[in-house]
Amino acid sequence: MGGTGVIDHFLEVFTRYIDSGFGLLSGEVAFIATTLIVIDVTLAALFWSWGADDDIMARLVKKTLFVGVFAYIIGNWNN
């Protein structure tokens, strides 16, 4: 992984998917869900930057899948 291009692309795609589903939620629910996701992604990034020899990519993928499933469930709750 050279440079920050991969991270920028990941955040761009992630933000696009989050924005597409969370626009349908009411204001308070969207605010709480977005806040929880931001906290979750921030903690994942902090652990990624602090990790020495751990399998950081596996933890990041696991966290991304967790947040993605959470976003999918909330986005498709009424369907």
PDB file of N, CA and C in Angstrom:
ATOM      1  N   MET A   1       0.849  -1.173   0.000  1.00  0.00           N
ATOM      2  CA  MET A   1       0.000   0.000   0.000  1.00  0.00           C
ATOM      3  C   MET A   1       0.890   1.229   0.000  1.00  0.00           C
ATOM      4  N   GLY A   2       0.996   1.855  -1.117  1.00  0.00           N
ATOM      5  CA  GLY A   2       1.836   3.034  -1.201  1.00  0.00           C
ATOM      6  C   GLY A   2       1.012   4.302  -1.162  1.00  0.00           C
ATOM      7  N   GLY A   3       1.355   5.182  -0.281  1.00  0.00           N
ATOM      8  CA  GLY A   3       0.703   6.477  -0.198  1.00  0.00           C
ATOM      9  C   GLY A   3      -0.670   6.401   0.446  1.00  0.00           C
ATOM     10  N   THR A   4      -1.382   7.503   0.338  1.00  0.00           N
ATOM     11  CA  THR A   4      -2.707   7.569   0.944  1.00  0.00           C
ATOM     12  C   THR A   4      -3.815   7.451  -0.083  1.00  0.00           C
ATOM     13  N   GLY A   5      -3.487   7.144  -1.312  1.00  0.00           N
ATOM     14  CA  GLY A   5      -4.502   7.033  -2.352  1.00  0.00           C
ATOM     15  C   GLY A   5      -5.513   5.943  -2.076  1.00  0.00           C
ATOM     16  N   VAL A   6      -5.064   4.838  -1.514  1.00  0.00           N
ATOM     17  CA  VAL A   6      -5.968   3.727  -1.202  1.00  0.00           C
ATOM     18  C   VAL A   6      -6.954   4.139  -0.116  1.00  0.00           C
ATOM     19  N   ILE A   7      -6.464   4.811   0.904  1.00  0.00           N
ATOM     20  CA  ILE A   7      -7.332   5.242   2.001  1.00  0.00           C
ATOM     21  C   ILE A   7      -8.328   6.281   1.506  1.00  0.00           C
ATOM     22  N   ASP A   8      -7.860   7.226   0.680  1.00  0.00           N
ATOM     23  CA  ASP A   8      -8.763   8.238   0.140  1.00  0.00           C
ATOM     24  C   ASP A   8      -9.860   7.607  -0.708  1.00  0.00           C
ATOM     25  N   HIS A   9      -9.474   6.638  -1.539  1.00  0.00           N
ATOM     26  CA  HIS A   9     -10.467   5.959  -2.378  1.00  0.00           C
ATOM     27  C   HIS A   9     -11.455   5.179  -1.515  1.00  0.00           C
ATOM     28  N   PHE A  10     -10.957   4.487  -0.498  1.00  0.00           N
ATOM     29  CA  PHE A  10     -11.829   3.729   0.402  1.00  0.00           C
ATOM     30  C   PHE A  10     -12.835   4.652   1.081  1.00  0.00           C
ATOM     31  N   LEU A  11     -12.369   5.776   1.619  1.00  0.00           N
ATOM     32  CA  LEU A  11     -13.275   6.694   2.303  1.00  0.00           C
ATOM     33  C   LEU A  11     -14.285   7.309   1.341  1.00  0.00           C
ATOM     34  N   GLU A  12     -13.876   7.557   0.095  1.00  0.00           N
ATOM     35  CA  GLU A  12     -14.794   8.105  -0.898  1.00  0.00           C
ATOM     36  C   GLU A  12     -15.923   7.115  -1.200  1.00  0.00           C
ATOM     37  N   VAL A  13     -15.561   5.859  -1.444  1.00  0.00           N
ATOM     38  CA  VAL A  13     -16.569   4.831  -1.731  1.00  0.00           C
ATOM     39  C   VAL A  13     -17.446   4.589  -0.511  1.00  0.00           C
ATOM     40  N   PHE A  14     -16.834   4.509   0.663  1.00  0.00           N
ATOM     41  CA  PHE A  14     -17.577   4.271   1.899  1.00  0.00           C
ATOM     42  C   PHE A  14     -18.572   5.402   2.153  1.00  0.00           C
ATOM     43  N   THR A  15     -18.140   6.645   1.980  1.00  0.00           N
ATOM     44  CA  THR A  15     -19.015   7.796   2.195  1.00  0.00           C
ATOM     45  C   THR A  15     -20.163   7.800   1.197  1.00  0.00           C
ATOM     46  N   ARG A  16     -19.877   7.440  -0.048  1.00  0.00           N
ATOM     47  CA  ARG A  16     -20.924   7.394  -1.066  1.00  0.00           C
ATOM     48  C   ARG A  16     -22.004   6.371  -0.693  1.00  0.00           C
ATOM     49  N   TYR A  17     -21.599   5.198  -0.241  1.00  0.00           N
ATOM     50  CA  TYR A  17     -22.574   4.175   0.140  1.00  0.00           C
ATOM     51  C   TYR A  17     -23.358   4.578   1.382  1.00  0.00           C
ATOM     52  N   ILE A  18     -22.683   5.173   2.336  1.00  0.00           N
ATOM     53  CA  ILE A  18     -23.369   5.608   3.550  1.00  0.00           C
ATOM     54  C   ILE A  18     -24.377   6.702   3.222  1.00  0.00           C
ATOM     55  N   ASP A  19     -23.976   7.674   2.405  1.00  0.00           N
ATOM     56  CA  ASP A  19     -24.871   8.773   2.063  1.00  0.00           C
ATOM     57  C   ASP A  19     -26.080   8.305   1.264  1.00  0.00           C
ATOM     58  N   SER A  20     -25.930   7.277   0.460  1.00  0.00           N
ATOM     59  CA  SER A  20     -27.046   6.823  -0.368  1.00  0.00           C
ATOM     60  C   SER A  20     -28.170   6.222   0.470  1.00  0.00           C
ATOM     61  N   GLY A  21     -27.865   5.562   1.556  1.00  0.00           N
ATOM     62  CA  GLY A  21     -28.907   4.930   2.364  1.00  0.00           C
ATOM     63  C   GLY A  21     -29.385   5.767   3.524  1.00  0.00           C
ATOM     64  N   PHE A  22     -28.522   6.592   4.061  1.00  0.00           N
ATOM     65  CA  PHE A  22     -28.883   7.333   5.260  1.00  0.00           C
ATOM     66  C   PHE A  22     -29.669   8.597   4.967  1.00  0.00           C
ATOM     67  N   GLY A  23     -29.836   8.956   3.707  1.00  0.00           N
ATOM     68  CA  GLY A  23     -30.653  10.113   3.374  1.00  0.00           C
ATOM     69  C   GLY A  23     -32.130   9.869   3.608  1.00  0.00           C
ATOM     70  N   LEU A  24     -32.518   8.610   3.735  1.00  0.00           N
ATOM     71  CA  LEU A  24     -33.922   8.264   3.914  1.00  0.00           C
ATOM     72  C   LEU A  24     -34.344   8.230   5.374  1.00  0.00           C
ATOM     73  N   LEU A  25     -33.408   8.364   6.286  1.00  0.00           N
ATOM     74  CA  LEU A  25     -33.730   8.288   7.713  1.00  0.00           C
ATOM     75  C   LEU A  25     -34.180   9.637   8.242  1.00  0.00           C
ATOM     76  N   SER A  26     -34.927   9.605   9.337  1.00  0.00           N
ATOM     77  CA  SER A  26     -35.326  10.861   9.962  1.00  0.00           C
ATOM     78  C   SER A  26     -34.112  11.528  10.600  1.00  0.00           C
ATOM     79  N   GLY A  27     -34.236  12.776  10.938  1.00  0.00           N
ATOM     80  CA  GLY A  27     -33.108  13.575  11.396  1.00  0.00           C
ATOM     81  C   GLY A  27     -32.374  13.039  12.604  1.00  0.00           C
ATOM     82  N   GLU A  28     -33.095  12.707  13.666  1.00  0.00           N
ATOM     83  CA  GLU A  28     -32.439  12.265  14.895  1.00  0.00           C
ATOM     84  C   GLU A  28     -31.794  10.892  14.740  1.00  0.00           C
ATOM     85  N   VAL A  29     -32.477   9.986  14.051  1.00  0.00           N
ATOM     86  CA  VAL A  29     -31.922   8.649  13.843  1.00  0.00           C
ATOM     87  C   VAL A  29     -30.687   8.721  12.955  1.00  0.00           C
ATOM     88  N   ALA A  30     -30.752   9.535  11.920  1.00  0.00           N
ATOM     89  CA  ALA A  30     -29.604   9.690  11.029  1.00  0.00           C
ATOM     90  C   ALA A  30     -28.423  10.293  11.776  1.00  0.00           C
ATOM     91  N   PHE A  31     -28.676  11.263  12.637  1.00  0.00           N
ATOM     92  CA  PHE A  31     -27.600  11.886  13.402  1.00  0.00           C
ATOM     93  C   PHE A  31     -26.926  10.877  14.329  1.00  0.00           C
ATOM     94  N   ILE A  32     -27.725  10.096  15.044  1.00  0.00           N
ATOM     95  CA  ILE A  32     -27.155   9.108  15.971  1.00  0.00           C
ATOM     96  C   ILE A  32     -26.392   8.029  15.213  1.00  0.00           C
ATOM     97  N   ALA A  33     -26.973   7.523  14.127  1.00  0.00           N
ATOM     98  CA  ALA A  33     -26.306   6.478  13.349  1.00  0.00           C
ATOM     99  C   ALA A  33     -25.011   6.990  12.737  1.00  0.00           C
ATOM    100  N   THR A  34     -25.042   8.196  12.195  1.00  0.00           N
ATOM    101  CA  THR A  34     -23.834   8.768  11.602  1.00  0.00           C
ATOM    102  C   THR A  34     -22.768   9.002  12.657  1.00  0.00           C
ATOM    103  N   THR A  35     -23.164   9.483  13.823  1.00  0.00           N
ATOM    104  CA  THR A  35     -22.206   9.699  14.906  1.00  0.00           C
ATOM    105  C   THR A  35     -21.559   8.392  15.344  1.00  0.00           C
ATOM    106  N   LEU A  36     -22.357   7.338  15.481  1.00  0.00           N
ATOM    107  CA  LEU A  36     -21.803   6.040  15.871  1.00  0.00           C
ATOM    108  C   LEU A  36     -20.854   5.488  14.810  1.00  0.00           C
ATOM    109  N   ILE A  37     -21.187   5.672  13.554  1.00  0.00           N
ATOM    110  CA  ILE A  37     -20.309   5.191  12.485  1.00  0.00           C
ATOM    111  C   ILE A  37     -19.009   5.976  12.462  1.00  0.00           C
ATOM    112  N   VAL A  38     -19.078   7.284  12.657  1.00  0.00           N
ATOM    113  CA  VAL A  38     -17.858   8.099  12.684  1.00  0.00           C
ATOM    114  C   VAL A  38     -16.969   7.677  13.847  1.00  0.00           C
ATOM    115  N   ILE A  39     -17.551   7.440  15.006  1.00  0.00           N
ATOM    116  CA  ILE A  39     -16.766   6.979  16.157  1.00  0.00           C
ATOM    117  C   ILE A  39     -16.135   5.631  15.858  1.00  0.00           C
ATOM    118  N   ASP A  40     -16.895   4.737  15.245  1.00  0.00           N
ATOM    119  CA  ASP A  40     -16.402   3.396  14.932  1.00  0.00           C
ATOM    120  C   ASP A  40     -15.248   3.441  13.937  1.00  0.00           C
ATOM    121  N   VAL A  41     -15.393   4.225  12.881  1.00  0.00           N
ATOM    122  CA  VAL A  41     -14.331   4.329  11.873  1.00  0.00           C
ATOM    123  C   VAL A  41     -13.107   5.028  12.452  1.00  0.00           C
ATOM    124  N   THR A  42     -13.320   6.038  13.301  1.00  0.00           N
ATOM    125  CA  THR A  42     -12.194   6.728  13.931  1.00  0.00           C
ATOM    126  C   THR A  42     -11.410   5.785  14.834  1.00  0.00           C
ATOM    127  N   LEU A  43     -12.117   4.979  15.611  1.00  0.00           N
ATOM    128  CA  LEU A  43     -11.419   4.006  16.457  1.00  0.00           C
ATOM    129  C   LEU A  43     -10.663   2.981  15.619  1.00  0.00           C
ATOM    130  N   ALA A  44     -11.251   2.552  14.516  1.00  0.00           N
ATOM    131  CA  ALA A  44     -10.550   1.611  13.633  1.00  0.00           C
ATOM    132  C   ALA A  44      -9.283   2.241  13.073  1.00  0.00           C
ATOM    133  N   ALA A  45      -9.360   3.515  12.688  1.00  0.00           N
ATOM    134  CA  ALA A  45      -8.176   4.197  12.158  1.00  0.00           C
ATOM    135  C   ALA A  45      -7.107   4.378  13.234  1.00  0.00           C
ATOM    136  N   LEU A  46      -7.522   4.685  14.456  1.00  0.00           N
ATOM    137  CA  LEU A  46      -6.546   4.830  15.540  1.00  0.00           C
ATOM    138  C   LEU A  46      -5.845   3.515  15.841  1.00  0.00           C
ATOM    139  N   PHE A  47      -6.607   2.435  15.913  1.00  0.00           N
ATOM    140  CA  PHE A  47      -5.986   1.131  16.153  1.00  0.00           C
ATOM    141  C   PHE A  47      -5.080   0.740  14.996  1.00  0.00           C
ATOM    142  N   TRP A  48      -5.462   1.128  13.779  1.00  0.00           N
ATOM    143  CA  TRP A  48      -4.641   0.839  12.614  1.00  0.00           C
ATOM    144  C   TRP A  48      -3.307   1.577  12.716  1.00  0.00           C
ATOM    145  N   SER A  49      -3.360   2.837  13.124  1.00  0.00           N
ATOM    146  CA  SER A  49      -2.121   3.609  13.203  1.00  0.00           C
ATOM    147  C   SER A  49      -1.259   3.198  14.396  1.00  0.00           C
ATOM    148  N   TRP A  50      -1.866   2.699  15.457  1.00  0.00           N
ATOM    149  CA  TRP A  50      -1.104   2.290  16.639  1.00  0.00           C
ATOM    150  C   TRP A  50      -0.595   0.862  16.566  1.00  0.00           C
ATOM    151  N   GLY A  51      -1.189   0.046  15.716  1.00  0.00           N
ATOM    152  CA  GLY A  51      -0.824  -1.367  15.647  1.00  0.00           C
ATOM    153  C   GLY A  51       0.596  -1.560  15.153  1.00  0.00           C
ATOM    154  N   ALA A  52       1.323  -2.429  15.809  1.00  0.00           N
ATOM    155  CA  ALA A  52       2.713  -2.679  15.421  1.00  0.00           C
ATOM    156  C   ALA A  52       2.806  -3.893  14.507  1.00  0.00           C
ATOM    157  N   ASP A  53       2.615  -5.072  15.052  1.00  0.00           N
ATOM    158  CA  ASP A  53       2.769  -6.289  14.272  1.00  0.00           C
ATOM    159  C   ASP A  53       1.459  -7.050  14.117  1.00  0.00           C
ATOM    160  N   ASP A  54       0.372  -6.467  14.530  1.00  0.00           N
ATOM    161  CA  ASP A  54      -0.916  -7.138  14.407  1.00  0.00           C
ATOM    162  C   ASP A  54      -1.346  -7.176  12.945  1.00  0.00           C
ATOM    163  N   ASP A  55      -2.309  -8.014  12.659  1.00  0.00           N
ATOM    164  CA  ASP A  55      -2.854  -8.093  11.310  1.00  0.00           C
ATOM    165  C   ASP A  55      -3.864  -6.958  11.144  1.00  0.00           C
ATOM    166  N   ILE A  56      -3.356  -5.790  10.810  1.00  0.00           N
ATOM    167  CA  ILE A  56      -4.159  -4.578  10.771  1.00  0.00           C
ATOM    168  C   ILE A  56      -5.194  -4.630   9.652  1.00  0.00           C
ATOM    169  N   MET A  57      -4.814  -5.141   8.489  1.00  0.00           N
ATOM    170  CA  MET A  57      -5.748  -5.178   7.367  1.00  0.00           C
ATOM    171  C   MET A  57      -6.953  -6.061   7.683  1.00  0.00           C
ATOM    172  N   ALA A  58      -6.738  -7.174   8.348  1.00  0.00           N
ATOM    173  CA  ALA A  58      -7.855  -8.053   8.705  1.00  0.00           C
ATOM    174  C   ALA A  58      -8.804  -7.344   9.663  1.00  0.00           C
ATOM    175  N   ARG A  59      -8.257  -6.625  10.617  1.00  0.00           N
ATOM    176  CA  ARG A  59      -9.105  -5.888  11.552  1.00  0.00           C
ATOM    177  C   ARG A  59      -9.859  -4.771  10.852  1.00  0.00           C
ATOM    178  N   LEU A  60      -9.196  -4.090   9.896  1.00  0.00           N
ATOM    179  CA  LEU A  60      -9.857  -3.009   9.167  1.00  0.00           C
ATOM    180  C   LEU A  60     -10.974  -3.559   8.283  1.00  0.00           C
ATOM    181  N   VAL A  61     -10.729  -4.681   7.616  1.00  0.00           N
ATOM    182  CA  VAL A  61     -11.767  -5.289   6.784  1.00  0.00           C
ATOM    183  C   VAL A  61     -12.935  -5.746   7.647  1.00  0.00           C
ATOM    184  N   LYS A  62     -12.638  -6.331   8.790  1.00  0.00           N
ATOM    185  CA  LYS A  62     -13.690  -6.773   9.709  1.00  0.00           C
ATOM    186  C   LYS A  62     -14.533  -5.585  10.166  1.00  0.00           C
ATOM    187  N   LYS A  63     -13.873  -4.499  10.521  1.00  0.00           N
ATOM    188  CA  LYS A  63     -14.590  -3.305  10.967  1.00  0.00           C
ATOM    189  C   LYS A  63     -15.421  -2.720   9.830  1.00  0.00           C
ATOM    190  N   THR A  64     -14.874  -2.707   8.618  1.00  0.00           N
ATOM    191  CA  THR A  64     -15.598  -2.176   7.468  1.00  0.00           C
ATOM    192  C   THR A  64     -16.839  -3.012   7.179  1.00  0.00           C
ATOM    193  N   LEU A  65     -16.702  -4.328   7.238  1.00  0.00           N
ATOM    194  CA  LEU A  65     -17.857  -5.194   7.018  1.00  0.00           C
ATOM    195  C   LEU A  65     -18.909  -5.000   8.104  1.00  0.00           C
ATOM    196  N   PHE A  66     -18.467  -4.836   9.337  1.00  0.00           N
ATOM    197  CA  PHE A  66     -19.396  -4.610  10.443  1.00  0.00           C
ATOM    198  C   PHE A  66     -20.198  -3.327  10.228  1.00  0.00           C
ATOM    199  N   VAL A  67     -19.506  -2.247   9.897  1.00  0.00           N
ATOM    200  CA  VAL A  67     -20.179  -0.968   9.679  1.00  0.00           C
ATOM    201  C   VAL A  67     -21.049  -1.036   8.429  1.00  0.00           C
ATOM    202  N   GLY A  68     -20.574  -1.722   7.391  1.00  0.00           N
ATOM    203  CA  GLY A  68     -21.354  -1.853   6.166  1.00  0.00           C
ATOM    204  C   GLY A  68     -22.651  -2.616   6.381  1.00  0.00           C
ATOM    205  N   VAL A  69     -22.600  -3.693   7.147  1.00  0.00           N
ATOM    206  CA  VAL A  69     -23.816  -4.453   7.450  1.00  0.00           C
ATOM    207  C   VAL A  69     -24.767  -3.606   8.289  1.00  0.00           C
ATOM    208  N   PHE A  70     -24.224  -2.878   9.241  1.00  0.00           N
ATOM    209  CA  PHE A  70     -25.039  -1.976  10.060  1.00  0.00           C
ATOM    210  C   PHE A  70     -25.732  -0.935   9.183  1.00  0.00           C
ATOM    211  N   ALA A  71     -24.988  -0.342   8.258  1.00  0.00           N
ATOM    212  CA  ALA A  71     -25.562   0.659   7.356  1.00  0.00           C
ATOM    213  C   ALA A  71     -26.603   0.031   6.433  1.00  0.00           C
ATOM    214  N   TYR A  72     -26.349  -1.186   5.965  1.00  0.00           N
ATOM    215  CA  TYR A  72     -27.305  -1.869   5.093  1.00  0.00           C
ATOM    216  C   TYR A  72     -28.611  -2.160   5.834  1.00  0.00           C
ATOM    217  N   ILE A  73     -28.507  -2.631   7.058  1.00  0.00           N
ATOM    218  CA  ILE A  73     -29.711  -2.938   7.838  1.00  0.00           C
ATOM    219  C   ILE A  73     -30.523  -1.679   8.098  1.00  0.00           C
ATOM    220  N   ILE A  74     -29.866  -0.604   8.480  1.00  0.00           N
ATOM    221  CA  ILE A  74     -30.588   0.641   8.741  1.00  0.00           C
ATOM    222  C   ILE A  74     -31.170   1.211   7.453  1.00  0.00           C
ATOM    223  N   GLY A  75     -30.403   1.159   6.365  1.00  0.00           N
ATOM    224  CA  GLY A  75     -30.886   1.704   5.101  1.00  0.00           C
ATOM    225  C   GLY A  75     -32.060   0.947   4.526  1.00  0.00           C
ATOM    226  N   ASN A  76     -32.164  -0.348   4.785  1.00  0.00           N
ATOM    227  CA  ASN A  76     -33.243  -1.166   4.229  1.00  0.00           C
ATOM    228  C   ASN A  76     -34.219  -1.640   5.294  1.00  0.00           C
ATOM    229  N   TRP A  77     -34.351  -0.902   6.358  1.00  0.00           N
ATOM    230  CA  TRP A  77     -35.181  -1.334   7.479  1.00  0.00           C
ATOM    231  C   TRP A  77     -36.648  -1.488   7.079  1.00  0.00           C
ATOM    232  N   ASN A  78     -37.180  -0.569   6.291  1.00  0.00           N
ATOM    233  CA  ASN A  78     -38.600  -0.600   5.934  1.00  0.00           C
ATOM    234  C   ASN A  78     -38.902  -1.539   4.781  1.00  0.00           C
ATOM    235  N   ASN A  79     -37.899  -2.008   4.084  1.00  0.00           N
ATOM    236  CA  ASN A  79     -38.142  -2.860   2.910  1.00  0.00           C
ATOM    237  C   ASN A  79     -38.296  -4.238   3.358  1.00  0.00           C
TER     238      ASN A  79
END
